[in-house]
């Protein structure tokens, strides 16, 4: 079993790194051109895969998990309850109806 794992783990790592290299956008690749990274991963599977994962791809700070810094260029989806613009748009109509209902309830004996 250990012999099989010693073969399958580097193979899976190199396949993952190659697919990740091919599917990465040109502007997210660092240090070398994309075809050179792909050749490096194919010719030197273990060293090329590890070097691609460490140094080849520009990763967002939020994807690291430990940094806690968000990429401010991207717009994050905000739930309606947390969106102040959405709440302001609802505030005028809902508040007037609630106040009218409260007045009617107070006036009734």
Protein backbone atom coordinates (compact mmCIF):
# COMPACT_ATOMS: atom_id res chain seq x y z
CA UNK A 1 0.00 0.00 0.00
CA UNK A 2 2.81 2.39 0.84
CA UNK A 3 4.43 1.73 -2.54
CA UNK A 4 1.20 2.65 -4.30
CA UNK A 5 0.84 5.85 -2.28
CA UNK A 6 4.42 6.84 -3.08
CA UNK A 7 3.45 6.71 -6.75
CA UNK A 8 -0.11 8.06 -6.62
CA UNK A 9 0.46 11.13 -4.41
CA UNK A 10 3.10 12.75 -6.66
CA UNK A 11 1.04 11.80 -9.73
CA UNK A 12 -2.10 13.39 -8.31
CA UNK A 13 -0.10 16.46 -7.28
CA UNK A 14 1.37 16.88 -10.74
CA UNK A 15 -2.00 16.39 -12.46
CA UNK A 16 -3.59 18.97 -10.14
CA UNK A 17 -0.75 21.45 -10.66
CA UNK A 18 -0.83 21.00 -14.44
CA UNK A 19 -4.59 21.55 -14.66
CA UNK A 20 -4.34 24.51 -12.31
CA UNK A 21 -1.53 25.97 -14.42
CA UNK A 22 -3.45 25.56 -17.67
CA UNK A 23 -6.68 27.02 -16.28
CA UNK A 24 -5.07 30.04 -14.58
CA UNK A 25 -5.41 33.42 -16.29
CA UNK A 26 -2.27 35.00 -17.72
CA UNK A 27 -2.43 38.00 -15.38
CA UNK A 28 -2.41 35.73 -12.29
CA UNK A 29 0.83 33.93 -13.22
CA UNK A 30 4.09 35.09 -11.66
CA UNK A 31 7.80 34.83 -12.52
CA UNK A 32 7.59 32.88 -15.83
CA UNK A 33 5.27 32.57 -18.83
CA UNK A 34 2.42 30.08 -18.66
CA UNK A 35 3.84 27.57 -21.21
CA UNK A 36 7.13 27.43 -19.35
CA UNK A 37 5.35 26.64 -16.09
CA UNK A 38 3.36 23.88 -17.82
CA UNK A 39 6.54 22.35 -19.26
CA UNK A 40 8.25 22.57 -15.87
CA UNK A 41 5.35 20.73 -14.21
CA UNK A 42 5.37 18.03 -16.91
CA UNK A 43 9.14 17.49 -17.09
CA UNK A 44 9.84 17.66 -13.34
CA UNK A 45 6.56 16.45 -11.80
CA UNK A 46 7.35 16.72 -8.11
CA UNK A 47 9.62 19.79 -8.08
CA UNK A 48 7.62 21.56 -10.80
CA UNK A 49 4.30 20.96 -9.06
CA UNK A 50 5.52 22.17 -5.70
CA UNK A 51 7.19 25.24 -7.23
CA UNK A 52 4.00 26.05 -9.18
CA UNK A 53 1.87 25.83 -6.04
CA UNK A 54 4.29 27.96 -4.01
CA UNK A 55 5.55 30.57 -6.46
CA UNK A 56 3.75 30.29 -9.77
CA UNK A 57 0.28 31.59 -9.11
CA UNK A 58 -0.78 34.90 -7.58
CA UNK A 59 -3.25 34.06 -4.88
CA UNK A 60 -5.78 36.43 -3.34
CA UNK A 61 -5.24 37.29 0.33
CA UNK A 62 -8.73 36.09 1.26
CA UNK A 63 -7.98 32.64 -0.18
CA UNK A 64 -5.02 32.19 2.15
CA UNK A 65 -7.26 31.81 5.16
CA UNK A 66 -4.75 33.18 7.66
CA UNK A 67 -4.35 36.77 6.52
CA UNK A 68 -7.87 38.05 7.06
CA UNK A 69 -7.32 40.82 4.51
CA UNK A 70 -10.01 41.07 1.87
CA UNK A 71 -9.53 42.03 -1.73
CA UNK A 72 -11.30 45.39 -1.90
CA UNK A 73 -11.43 45.40 -5.71
CA UNK A 74 -14.05 42.67 -5.78
CA UNK A 75 -17.62 43.38 -4.81
CA UNK A 76 -18.87 40.99 -2.18
CA UNK A 77 -22.49 39.88 -2.17
CA UNK A 78 -24.35 41.39 0.77
CA UNK A 79 -27.54 40.01 2.23
CA UNK A 80 -30.52 42.39 2.05
CA UNK A 81 -30.60 42.70 5.85
CA UNK A 82 -27.01 43.99 5.84
CA UNK A 83 -27.33 46.29 2.83
CA UNK A 84 -27.98 49.86 4.01
CA UNK A 85 -29.10 51.06 0.57
CA UNK A 86 -31.72 48.34 0.36
CA UNK A 87 -32.96 49.08 3.86
CA UNK A 88 -33.21 52.81 3.09
CA UNK A 89 -35.29 52.05 0.01
CA UNK A 90 -37.72 50.06 2.13
CA UNK A 91 -37.67 52.41 5.12
CA UNK A 92 -39.95 55.15 3.76
CA UNK A 93 -42.89 52.95 2.79
CA UNK A 94 -42.76 50.55 5.73
CA UNK A 95 -42.37 53.19 8.43
CA UNK A 96 -45.35 55.23 7.25
CA UNK A 97 -47.58 52.13 7.20
CA UNK A 98 -46.45 51.06 10.66
CA UNK A 99 -47.10 54.52 12.09
CA UNK A 100 -50.59 54.61 10.56
CA UNK A 101 -51.39 51.19 12.04
CA UNK A 102 -50.14 52.28 15.46
CA UNK A 103 -52.30 55.43 15.38
CA UNK A 104 -55.38 53.42 14.45
CA UNK A 105 -54.78 50.99 17.30
CA UNK A 106 -54.32 53.79 19.84
CA UNK A 107 -57.46 55.60 18.71
CA UNK A 108 -59.66 52.53 19.03
CA UNK A 109 -61.15 51.99 22.52
